[in-house]
C-alpha cells in the first residue's frame, strides 16, 4: 500500500472538501420583506428561524450548482 504524506511528513489518510458560503443577514431580511410585502413592513416579524430557513434554501441551490470556493483539508486541518 502506498503511504501519502504532506510536506511535514505526516501521513494523510483523509481529504475533506468543503465549500464556504457566507450570507448577509440584512440582505436576507430585505428579501423576506419583499417576498412577503403585504403592507407595513414593520408589522412583519422576522425570526432567526425564518433567516435559517431562507439560508437553507439558498445554500442547497449554491451547493448543487456552485463549485467555486472549495477548501481542501486533511484530517488534521491542513489546507491544500
PDB file of N, CA and C in Angstrom:
ATOM      1  N   UNK A   1       0.838  -1.179   0.000  1.00  0.00           N
ATOM      2  CA  UNK A   1       0.000   0.000   0.000  1.00  0.00           C
ATOM      3  C   UNK A   1       0.887   1.248   0.000  1.00  0.00           C
ATOM      4  N   UNK A   2       0.508   2.234  -0.763  1.00  0.00           N
ATOM      5  CA  UNK A   2       1.253   3.480  -0.855  1.00  0.00           C
ATOM      6  C   UNK A   2       0.878   4.399   0.297  1.00  0.00           C
ATOM      7  N   UNK A   3       1.868   4.979   0.940  1.00  0.00           N
ATOM      8  CA  UNK A   3       1.639   5.933   2.021  1.00  0.00           C
ATOM      9  C   UNK A   3       1.826   7.340   1.462  1.00  0.00           C
ATOM     10  N   UNK A   4       0.835   8.186   1.682  1.00  0.00           N
ATOM     11  CA  UNK A   4       0.889   9.572   1.219  1.00  0.00           C
ATOM     12  C   UNK A   4       1.159  10.466   2.418  1.00  0.00           C
ATOM     13  N   UNK A   5       2.154  11.349   2.277  1.00  0.00           N
ATOM     14  CA  UNK A   5       2.496  12.269   3.355  1.00  0.00           C
ATOM     15  C   UNK A   5       2.438  13.705   2.858  1.00  0.00           C
ATOM     16  N   UNK A   6       2.254  14.637   3.809  1.00  0.00           N
ATOM     17  CA  UNK A   6       2.309  16.057   3.462  1.00  0.00           C
ATOM     18  C   UNK A   6       3.742  16.533   3.594  1.00  0.00           C
ATOM     19  N   UNK A   7       3.962  17.851   3.390  1.00  0.00           N
ATOM     20  CA  UNK A   7       5.337  18.372   3.420  1.00  0.00           C
ATOM     21  C   UNK A   7       5.992  18.269   4.793  1.00  0.00           C
ATOM     22  N   UNK A   8       5.198  18.073   5.860  1.00  0.00           N
ATOM     23  CA  UNK A   8       5.759  17.895   7.205  1.00  0.00           C
ATOM     24  C   UNK A   8       6.051  16.424   7.519  1.00  0.00           C
ATOM     25  N   UNK A   9       5.738  15.545   6.579  1.00  0.00           N
ATOM     26  CA  UNK A   9       5.969  14.122   6.789  1.00  0.00           C
ATOM     27  C   UNK A   9       4.824  13.396   7.471  1.00  0.00           C
ATOM     28  N   UNK A  10       3.721  14.106   7.767  1.00  0.00           N
ATOM     29  CA  UNK A  10       2.560  13.484   8.397  1.00  0.00           C
ATOM     30  C   UNK A  10       1.791  12.666   7.359  1.00  0.00           C
ATOM     31  N   UNK A  11       1.326  11.492   7.758  1.00  0.00           N
ATOM     32  CA  UNK A  11       0.546  10.639   6.867  1.00  0.00           C
ATOM     33  C   UNK A  11      -0.842  11.238   6.674  1.00  0.00           C
ATOM     34  N   UNK A  12      -1.234  11.361   5.415  1.00  0.00           N
ATOM     35  CA  UNK A  12      -2.559  11.883   5.077  1.00  0.00           C
ATOM     36  C   UNK A  12      -3.465  10.687   4.801  1.00  0.00           C
ATOM     37  N   UNK A  13      -4.525  10.559   5.605  1.00  0.00           N
ATOM     38  CA  UNK A  13      -5.451   9.428   5.453  1.00  0.00           C
ATOM     39  C   UNK A  13      -6.805   9.856   4.896  1.00  0.00           C
ATOM     40  N   UNK A  14      -7.078  11.154   4.939  1.00  0.00           N
ATOM     41  CA  UNK A  14      -8.389  11.650   4.521  1.00  0.00           C
ATOM     42  C   UNK A  14      -8.243  13.054   3.952  1.00  0.00           C
ATOM     43  N   UNK A  15      -9.046  13.367   2.930  1.00  0.00           N
ATOM     44  CA  UNK A  15      -9.138  14.733   2.413  1.00  0.00           C
ATOM     45  C   UNK A  15     -10.596  15.152   2.525  1.00  0.00           C
ATOM     46  N   UNK A  16     -10.850  16.212   3.276  1.00  0.00           N
ATOM     47  CA  UNK A  16     -12.191  16.781   3.386  1.00  0.00           C
ATOM     48  C   UNK A  16     -12.301  17.897   2.363  1.00  0.00           C
ATOM     49  N   UNK A  17     -13.425  17.983   1.674  1.00  0.00           N
ATOM     50  CA  UNK A  17     -13.672  19.061   0.728  1.00  0.00           C
ATOM     51  C   UNK A  17     -14.889  19.822   1.226  1.00  0.00           C
ATOM     52  N   UNK A  18     -14.708  21.121   1.428  1.00  0.00           N
ATOM     53  CA  UNK A  18     -15.783  21.962   1.957  1.00  0.00           C
ATOM     54  C   UNK A  18     -15.953  23.172   1.066  1.00  0.00           C
ATOM     55  N   UNK A  19     -17.139  23.701   1.074  1.00  0.00           N
ATOM     56  CA  UNK A  19     -17.391  24.954   0.379  1.00  0.00           C
ATOM     57  C   UNK A  19     -17.952  25.924   1.400  1.00  0.00           C
ATOM     58  N   UNK A  20     -17.324  27.060   1.500  1.00  0.00           N
ATOM     59  CA  UNK A  20     -17.766  28.077   2.445  1.00  0.00           C
ATOM     60  C   UNK A  20     -18.547  29.141   1.690  1.00  0.00           C
ATOM     61  N   UNK A  21     -19.770  29.360   2.114  1.00  0.00           N
ATOM     62  CA  UNK A  21     -20.613  30.386   1.524  1.00  0.00           C
ATOM     63  C   UNK A  21     -21.124  31.250   2.667  1.00  0.00           C
ATOM     64  N   UNK A  22     -21.002  32.553   2.525  1.00  0.00           N
ATOM     65  CA  UNK A  22     -21.445  33.484   3.561  1.00  0.00           C
ATOM     66  C   UNK A  22     -22.645  34.262   3.047  1.00  0.00           C
ATOM     67  N   UNK A  23     -23.655  34.396   3.882  1.00  0.00           N
ATOM     68  CA  UNK A  23     -24.872  35.109   3.514  1.00  0.00           C
ATOM     69  C   UNK A  23     -25.034  36.316   4.424  1.00  0.00           C
ATOM     70  N   UNK A  24     -25.457  37.431   3.848  1.00  0.00           N
ATOM     71  CA  UNK A  24     -25.657  38.687   4.569  1.00  0.00           C
ATOM     72  C   UNK A  24     -27.058  38.704   5.167  1.00  0.00           C
ATOM     73  N   UNK A  25     -27.150  38.752   6.491  1.00  0.00           N
ATOM     74  CA  UNK A  25     -28.446  38.706   7.184  1.00  0.00           C
ATOM     75  C   UNK A  25     -29.322  39.896   6.793  1.00  0.00           C
ATOM     76  N   UNK A  26     -28.741  41.086   6.705  1.00  0.00           N
ATOM     77  CA  UNK A  26     -29.539  42.263   6.342  1.00  0.00           C
ATOM     78  C   UNK A  26     -30.164  42.090   4.960  1.00  0.00           C
ATOM     79  N   UNK A  27     -29.407  41.543   4.032  1.00  0.00           N
ATOM     80  CA  UNK A  27     -29.930  41.295   2.689  1.00  0.00           C
ATOM     81  C   UNK A  27     -31.036  40.257   2.691  1.00  0.00           C
ATOM     82  N   UNK A  28     -30.909  39.252   3.544  1.00  0.00           N
ATOM     83  CA  UNK A  28     -31.936  38.218   3.646  1.00  0.00           C
ATOM     84  C   UNK A  28     -33.212  38.804   4.250  1.00  0.00           C
ATOM     85  N   UNK A  29     -33.056  39.631   5.274  1.00  0.00           N
ATOM     86  CA  UNK A  29     -34.224  40.282   5.884  1.00  0.00           C
ATOM     87  C   UNK A  29     -34.950  41.114   4.830  1.00  0.00           C
ATOM     88  N   UNK A  30     -34.193  41.857   4.043  1.00  0.00           N
ATOM     89  CA  UNK A  30     -34.799  42.683   2.987  1.00  0.00           C
ATOM     90  C   UNK A  30     -35.529  41.808   1.968  1.00  0.00           C
ATOM     91  N   UNK A  31     -34.913  40.692   1.576  1.00  0.00           N
ATOM     92  CA  UNK A  31     -35.544  39.786   0.607  1.00  0.00           C
ATOM     93  C   UNK A  31     -36.821  39.172   1.177  1.00  0.00           C
ATOM     94  N   UNK A  32     -36.795  38.778   2.431  1.00  0.00           N
ATOM     95  CA  UNK A  32     -38.000  38.209   3.057  1.00  0.00           C
ATOM     96  C   UNK A  32     -39.102  39.260   3.105  1.00  0.00           C
ATOM     97  N   UNK A  33     -38.738  40.480   3.447  1.00  0.00           N
ATOM     98  CA  UNK A  33     -39.735  41.553   3.489  1.00  0.00           C
ATOM     99  C   UNK A  33     -40.335  41.788   2.098  1.00  0.00           C
ATOM    100  N   UNK A  34     -39.504  41.782   1.068  1.00  0.00           N
ATOM    101  CA  UNK A  34     -40.005  41.982  -0.296  1.00  0.00           C
ATOM    102  C   UNK A  34     -40.889  40.817  -0.733  1.00  0.00           C
ATOM    103  N   UNK A  35     -40.487  39.595  -0.385  1.00  0.00           N
ATOM    104  CA  UNK A  35     -41.267  38.405  -0.755  1.00  0.00           C
ATOM    105  C   UNK A  35     -42.624  38.374  -0.061  1.00  0.00           C
ATOM    106  N   UNK A  36     -42.731  39.023   1.089  1.00  0.00           N
ATOM    107  CA  UNK A  36     -43.944  38.968   1.904  1.00  0.00           C
ATOM    108  C   UNK A  36     -44.611  40.327   2.063  1.00  0.00           C
ATOM    109  N   UNK A  37     -44.390  41.209   1.121  1.00  0.00           N
ATOM    110  CA  UNK A  37     -44.921  42.571   1.219  1.00  0.00           C
ATOM    111  C   UNK A  37     -46.444  42.551   1.205  1.00  0.00           C
ATOM    112  N   UNK A  38     -47.029  42.946   2.315  1.00  0.00           N
ATOM    113  CA  UNK A  38     -48.484  42.968   2.448  1.00  0.00           C
ATOM    114  C   UNK A  38     -48.960  44.256   3.105  1.00  0.00           C
ATOM    115  N   UNK A  39     -48.117  45.240   3.161  1.00  0.00           N
ATOM    116  CA  UNK A  39     -48.486  46.477   3.838  1.00  0.00           C
ATOM    117  C   UNK A  39     -47.283  47.046   4.548  1.00  0.00           C
ATOM    118  N   UNK A  40     -47.436  47.380   5.783  1.00  0.00           N
ATOM    119  CA  UNK A  40     -46.377  47.973   6.575  1.00  0.00           C
ATOM    120  C   UNK A  40     -45.327  46.914   6.913  1.00  0.00           C
ATOM    121  N   UNK A  41     -44.117  47.113   6.386  1.00  0.00           N
ATOM    122  CA  UNK A  41     -43.033  46.144   6.623  1.00  0.00           C
ATOM    123  C   UNK A  41     -42.711  45.974   8.097  1.00  0.00           C
ATOM    124  N   UNK A  42     -42.961  47.001   8.901  1.00  0.00           N
ATOM    125  CA  UNK A  42     -42.642  46.910  10.324  1.00  0.00           C
ATOM    126  C   UNK A  42     -43.521  45.894  11.038  1.00  0.00           C
ATOM    127  N   UNK A  43     -44.662  45.543  10.422  1.00  0.00           N
ATOM    128  CA  UNK A  43     -45.567  44.562  11.033  1.00  0.00           C
ATOM    129  C   UNK A  43     -45.078  43.132  10.860  1.00  0.00           C
ATOM    130  N   UNK A  44     -44.141  42.915   9.947  1.00  0.00           N
ATOM    131  CA  UNK A  44     -43.642  41.565   9.665  1.00  0.00           C
ATOM    132  C   UNK A  44     -42.502  41.240  10.629  1.00  0.00           C
ATOM    133  N   UNK A  45     -42.752  40.300  11.524  1.00  0.00           N
ATOM    134  CA  UNK A  45     -41.722  39.898  12.490  1.00  0.00           C
ATOM    135  C   UNK A  45     -40.904  38.766  11.882  1.00  0.00           C
ATOM    136  N   UNK A  46     -39.614  39.004  11.695  1.00  0.00           N
ATOM    137  CA  UNK A  46     -38.718  38.007  11.117  1.00  0.00           C
ATOM    138  C   UNK A  46     -37.856  37.449  12.232  1.00  0.00           C
ATOM    139  N   UNK A  47     -37.838  36.137  12.339  1.00  0.00           N
ATOM    140  CA  UNK A  47     -37.090  35.460  13.400  1.00  0.00           C
ATOM    141  C   UNK A  47     -35.825  34.816  12.835  1.00  0.00           C
ATOM    142  N   UNK A  48     -34.964  34.365  13.726  1.00  0.00           N
ATOM    143  CA  UNK A  48     -33.774  33.634  13.314  1.00  0.00           C
ATOM    144  C   UNK A  48     -34.168  32.374  12.551  1.00  0.00           C
ATOM    145  N   UNK A  49     -35.233  31.730  12.963  1.00  0.00           N
ATOM    146  CA  UNK A  49     -35.711  30.536  12.261  1.00  0.00           C
ATOM    147  C   UNK A  49     -36.068  30.872  10.812  1.00  0.00           C
ATOM    148  N   UNK A  50     -36.684  32.025  10.579  1.00  0.00           N
ATOM    149  CA  UNK A  50     -37.008  32.465   9.220  1.00  0.00           C
ATOM    150  C   UNK A  50     -35.729  32.641   8.395  1.00  0.00           C
ATOM    151  N   UNK A  51     -34.734  33.274   9.015  1.00  0.00           N
ATOM    152  CA  UNK A  51     -33.455  33.508   8.330  1.00  0.00           C
ATOM    153  C   UNK A  51     -32.801  32.174   7.981  1.00  0.00           C
ATOM    154  N   UNK A  52     -32.756  31.249   8.945  1.00  0.00           N
ATOM    155  CA  UNK A  52     -32.111  29.953   8.707  1.00  0.00           C
ATOM    156  C   UNK A  52     -32.838  29.149   7.632  1.00  0.00           C
ATOM    157  N   UNK A  53     -34.146  29.230   7.601  1.00  0.00           N
ATOM    158  CA  UNK A  53     -34.911  28.529   6.567  1.00  0.00           C
ATOM    159  C   UNK A  53     -34.590  29.110   5.189  1.00  0.00           C
ATOM    160  N   UNK A  54     -34.533  30.420   5.093  1.00  0.00           N
ATOM    161  CA  UNK A  54     -34.214  31.092   3.841  1.00  0.00           C
ATOM    162  C   UNK A  54     -32.801  30.723   3.392  1.00  0.00           C
ATOM    163  N   UNK A  55     -31.841  30.768   4.331  1.00  0.00           N
ATOM    164  CA  UNK A  55     -30.452  30.417   4.020  1.00  0.00           C
ATOM    165  C   UNK A  55     -30.351  28.960   3.596  1.00  0.00           C
ATOM    166  N   UNK A  56     -31.095  28.090   4.241  1.00  0.00           N
ATOM    167  CA  UNK A  56     -31.071  26.671   3.889  1.00  0.00           C
ATOM    168  C   UNK A  56     -31.453  26.466   2.429  1.00  0.00           C
ATOM    169  N   UNK A  57     -32.490  27.150   1.999  1.00  0.00           N
ATOM    170  CA  UNK A  57     -32.927  27.042   0.603  1.00  0.00           C
ATOM    171  C   UNK A  57     -31.859  27.585  -0.341  1.00  0.00           C
ATOM    172  N   UNK A  58     -31.296  28.734   0.005  1.00  0.00           N
ATOM    173  CA  UNK A  58     -30.252  29.332  -0.833  1.00  0.00           C
ATOM    174  C   UNK A  58     -29.006  28.438  -0.870  1.00  0.00           C
ATOM    175  N   UNK A  59     -28.629  27.892   0.271  1.00  0.00           N
ATOM    176  CA  UNK A  59     -27.420  27.064   0.353  1.00  0.00           C
ATOM    177  C   UNK A  59     -27.560  25.791  -0.465  1.00  0.00           C
ATOM    178  N   UNK A  60     -28.730  25.169  -0.416  1.00  0.00           N
ATOM    179  CA  UNK A  60     -28.944  23.966  -1.226  1.00  0.00           C
ATOM    180  C   UNK A  60     -28.685  24.270  -2.687  1.00  0.00           C
ATOM    181  N   UNK A  61     -29.211  25.378  -3.176  1.00  0.00           N
ATOM    182  CA  UNK A  61     -29.012  25.761  -4.569  1.00  0.00           C
ATOM    183  C   UNK A  61     -27.542  26.074  -4.845  1.00  0.00           C
ATOM    184  N   UNK A  62     -26.900  26.830  -3.950  1.00  0.00           N
ATOM    185  CA  UNK A  62     -25.494  27.179  -4.137  1.00  0.00           C
ATOM    186  C   UNK A  62     -24.598  25.945  -4.146  1.00  0.00           C
ATOM    187  N   UNK A  63     -24.861  24.998  -3.266  1.00  0.00           N
ATOM    188  CA  UNK A  63     -24.024  23.805  -3.192  1.00  0.00           C
ATOM    189  C   UNK A  63     -24.260  22.872  -4.372  1.00  0.00           C
ATOM    190  N   UNK A  64     -25.474  22.845  -4.886  1.00  0.00           N
ATOM    191  CA  UNK A  64     -25.771  21.994  -6.044  1.00  0.00           C
ATOM    192  C   UNK A  64     -25.180  22.551  -7.327  1.00  0.00           C
ATOM    193  N   UNK A  65     -25.144  23.867  -7.466  1.00  0.00           N
ATOM    194  CA  UNK A  65     -24.760  24.471  -8.734  1.00  0.00           C
ATOM    195  C   UNK A  65     -23.421  25.193  -8.706  1.00  0.00           C
ATOM    196  N   UNK A  66     -22.822  25.324  -7.567  1.00  0.00           N
ATOM    197  CA  UNK A  66     -21.565  26.058  -7.478  1.00  0.00           C
ATOM    198  C   UNK A  66     -20.395  25.149  -7.187  1.00  0.00           C
ATOM    199  N   UNK A  67     -19.250  25.489  -7.741  1.00  0.00           N
ATOM    200  CA  UNK A  67     -18.048  24.712  -7.442  1.00  0.00           C
ATOM    201  C   UNK A  67     -16.871  25.624  -7.129  1.00  0.00           C
ATOM    202  N   UNK A  68     -17.144  26.897  -6.915  1.00  0.00           N
ATOM    203  CA  UNK A  68     -16.053  27.810  -6.567  1.00  0.00           C
ATOM    204  C   UNK A  68     -15.928  27.885  -5.052  1.00  0.00           C
ATOM    205  N   UNK A  69     -14.774  28.265  -4.608  1.00  0.00           N
ATOM    206  CA  UNK A  69     -14.562  28.425  -3.177  1.00  0.00           C
ATOM    207  C   UNK A  69     -14.394  27.116  -2.427  1.00  0.00           C
ATOM    208  N   UNK A  70     -13.943  26.075  -3.113  1.00  0.00           N
ATOM    209  CA  UNK A  70     -13.745  24.801  -2.431  1.00  0.00           C
ATOM    210  C   UNK A  70     -12.514  24.863  -1.542  1.00  0.00           C
ATOM    211  N   UNK A  71     -12.599  24.242  -0.383  1.00  0.00           N
ATOM    212  CA  UNK A  71     -11.492  24.157   0.564  1.00  0.00           C
ATOM    213  C   UNK A  71     -11.126  22.684   0.710  1.00  0.00           C
ATOM    214  N   UNK A  72      -9.855  22.372   0.483  1.00  0.00           N
ATOM    215  CA  UNK A  72      -9.366  21.003   0.629  1.00  0.00           C
ATOM    216  C   UNK A  72      -8.551  20.932   1.912  1.00  0.00           C
ATOM    217  N   UNK A  73      -8.891  19.993   2.789  1.00  0.00           N
ATOM    218  CA  UNK A  73      -8.279  19.923   4.110  1.00  0.00           C
ATOM    219  C   UNK A  73      -8.120  18.460   4.506  1.00  0.00           C
ATOM    220  N   UNK A  74      -6.961  18.126   5.103  1.00  0.00           N
ATOM    221  CA  UNK A  74      -6.780  16.755   5.568  1.00  0.00           C
ATOM    222  C   UNK A  74      -7.359  16.584   6.969  1.00  0.00           C
ATOM    223  N   UNK A  75      -7.232  15.376   7.496  1.00  0.00           N
ATOM    224  CA  UNK A  75      -7.850  15.042   8.788  1.00  0.00           C
ATOM    225  C   UNK A  75      -7.296  15.859   9.950  1.00  0.00           C
ATOM    226  N   UNK A  76      -6.132  16.491   9.758  1.00  0.00           N
ATOM    227  CA  UNK A  76      -5.525  17.283  10.816  1.00  0.00           C
ATOM    228  C   UNK A  76      -5.789  18.782  10.658  1.00  0.00           C
ATOM    229  N   UNK A  77      -6.591  19.152   9.662  1.00  0.00           N
ATOM    230  CA  UNK A  77      -6.914  20.556   9.452  1.00  0.00           C
ATOM    231  C   UNK A  77      -5.937  21.296   8.561  1.00  0.00           C
ATOM    232  N   UNK A  78      -5.008  20.592   7.914  1.00  0.00           N
ATOM    233  CA  UNK A  78      -4.078  21.246   6.989  1.00  0.00           C
ATOM    234  C   UNK A  78      -4.787  21.534   5.686  1.00  0.00           C
ATOM    235  N   UNK A  79      -4.690  22.767   5.197  1.00  0.00           N
ATOM    236  CA  UNK A  79      -5.328  23.166   3.950  1.00  0.00           C
ATOM    237  C   UNK A  79      -4.392  22.913   2.774  1.00  0.00           C
ATOM    238  N   UNK A  80      -4.998  22.534   1.641  1.00  0.00           N
ATOM    239  CA  UNK A  80      -4.218  22.304   0.407  1.00  0.00           C
ATOM    240  C   UNK A  80      -4.841  23.077  -0.719  1.00  0.00           C
TER     241      UNK A  80
END
